[in-house]
């Protein structure tokens, strides 16, 4: 939180802060998507091998 407050005081521009938050959100969503795509195929392969 301290970092975000300093960031807001440093930029003093609401639009740029919103843009930074958008970029951070997109990065987090991309990481989550990569994580899900990385684990789901493994999970499906594990299920198939268990049934066989």
C-alpha atoms as a PDB file:
ATOM      1  CA  UNK A   1       0.000   0.000   0.000  1.00  0.00           C
ATOM      2  CA  UNK A   2       2.838   2.421   0.823  1.00  0.00           C
ATOM      3  CA  UNK A   3       4.277   1.820  -2.645  1.00  0.00           C
ATOM      4  CA  UNK A   4       0.925   2.621  -4.289  1.00  0.00           C
ATOM      5  CA  UNK A   5       0.522   5.824  -2.240  1.00  0.00           C
ATOM      6  CA  UNK A   6       4.044   6.918  -3.225  1.00  0.00           C
ATOM      7  CA  UNK A   7       3.244   6.060  -6.845  1.00  0.00           C
ATOM      8  CA  UNK A   8       0.112   8.238  -6.766  1.00  0.00           C
ATOM      9  CA  UNK A   9       2.014  11.135  -5.162  1.00  0.00           C
ATOM     10  CA  UNK A  10       4.877  10.711  -7.629  1.00  0.00           C
ATOM     11  CA  UNK A  11       2.728  10.752 -10.770  1.00  0.00           C
ATOM     12  CA  UNK A  12       0.032  13.180  -9.537  1.00  0.00           C
ATOM     13  CA  UNK A  13      -1.907  12.174 -12.613  1.00  0.00           C
ATOM     14  CA  UNK A  14      -5.054  10.096 -12.138  1.00  0.00           C
ATOM     15  CA  UNK A  15      -5.152   8.853 -15.747  1.00  0.00           C
ATOM     16  CA  UNK A  16      -1.592   7.530 -15.625  1.00  0.00           C
ATOM     17  CA  UNK A  17      -2.330   5.782 -12.309  1.00  0.00           C
ATOM     18  CA  UNK A  18      -5.410   4.129 -13.847  1.00  0.00           C
ATOM     19  CA  UNK A  19      -3.284   3.068 -16.825  1.00  0.00           C
ATOM     20  CA  UNK A  20      -0.661   1.554 -14.497  1.00  0.00           C
ATOM     21  CA  UNK A  21      -3.392  -0.356 -12.613  1.00  0.00           C
ATOM     22  CA  UNK A  22      -4.768  -1.631 -15.947  1.00  0.00           C
ATOM     23  CA  UNK A  23      -1.318  -2.855 -17.001  1.00  0.00           C
ATOM     24  CA  UNK A  24      -0.835  -4.603 -13.642  1.00  0.00           C
ATOM     25  CA  UNK A  25      -4.281  -6.244 -13.905  1.00  0.00           C
ATOM     26  CA  UNK A  26      -3.556  -7.436 -17.463  1.00  0.00           C
ATOM     27  CA  UNK A  27      -0.212  -8.900 -16.351  1.00  0.00           C
ATOM     28  CA  UNK A  28      -1.883 -10.751 -13.456  1.00  0.00           C
ATOM     29  CA  UNK A  29      -4.629 -12.075 -15.763  1.00  0.00           C
ATOM     30  CA  UNK A  30      -2.001 -13.274 -18.257  1.00  0.00           C
ATOM     31  CA  UNK A  31      -0.067 -15.067 -15.504  1.00  0.00           C
ATOM     32  CA  UNK A  32      -3.284 -16.713 -14.247  1.00  0.00           C
ATOM     33  CA  UNK A  33      -4.218 -17.783 -17.795  1.00  0.00           C
ATOM     34  CA  UNK A  34      -0.744 -19.253 -18.391  1.00  0.00           C
ATOM     35  CA  UNK A  35      -0.951 -21.049 -15.040  1.00  0.00           C
ATOM     36  CA  UNK A  36      -4.382 -22.532 -15.844  1.00  0.00           C
ATOM     37  CA  UNK A  37      -3.348 -23.562 -19.355  1.00  0.00           C
ATOM     38  CA  UNK A  38      -0.159 -25.103 -17.978  1.00  0.00           C
ATOM     39  CA  UNK A  39      -1.910 -27.179 -15.309  1.00  0.00           C
ATOM     40  CA  UNK A  40      -5.151 -28.173 -17.067  1.00  0.00           C
ATOM     41  CA  UNK A  41      -3.550 -30.339 -19.818  1.00  0.00           C
ATOM     42  CA  UNK A  42      -1.460 -32.140 -17.179  1.00  0.00           C
ATOM     43  CA  UNK A  43      -4.596 -32.725 -15.104  1.00  0.00           C
ATOM     44  CA  UNK A  44      -6.442 -34.154 -18.122  1.00  0.00           C
ATOM     45  CA  UNK A  45      -3.496 -36.422 -18.996  1.00  0.00           C
ATOM     46  CA  UNK A  46      -3.417 -37.632 -15.380  1.00  0.00           C
ATOM     47  CA  UNK A  47      -7.158 -38.393 -15.535  1.00  0.00           C
ATOM     48  CA  UNK A  48      -6.796 -40.309 -18.821  1.00  0.00           C
ATOM     49  CA  UNK A  49      -3.885 -42.365 -17.470  1.00  0.00           C
ATOM     50  CA  UNK A  50      -5.800 -43.147 -14.269  1.00  0.00           C
ATOM     51  CA  UNK A  51      -8.805 -44.482 -16.205  1.00  0.00           C
ATOM     52  CA  UNK A  52      -6.618 -46.544 -18.524  1.00  0.00           C
END
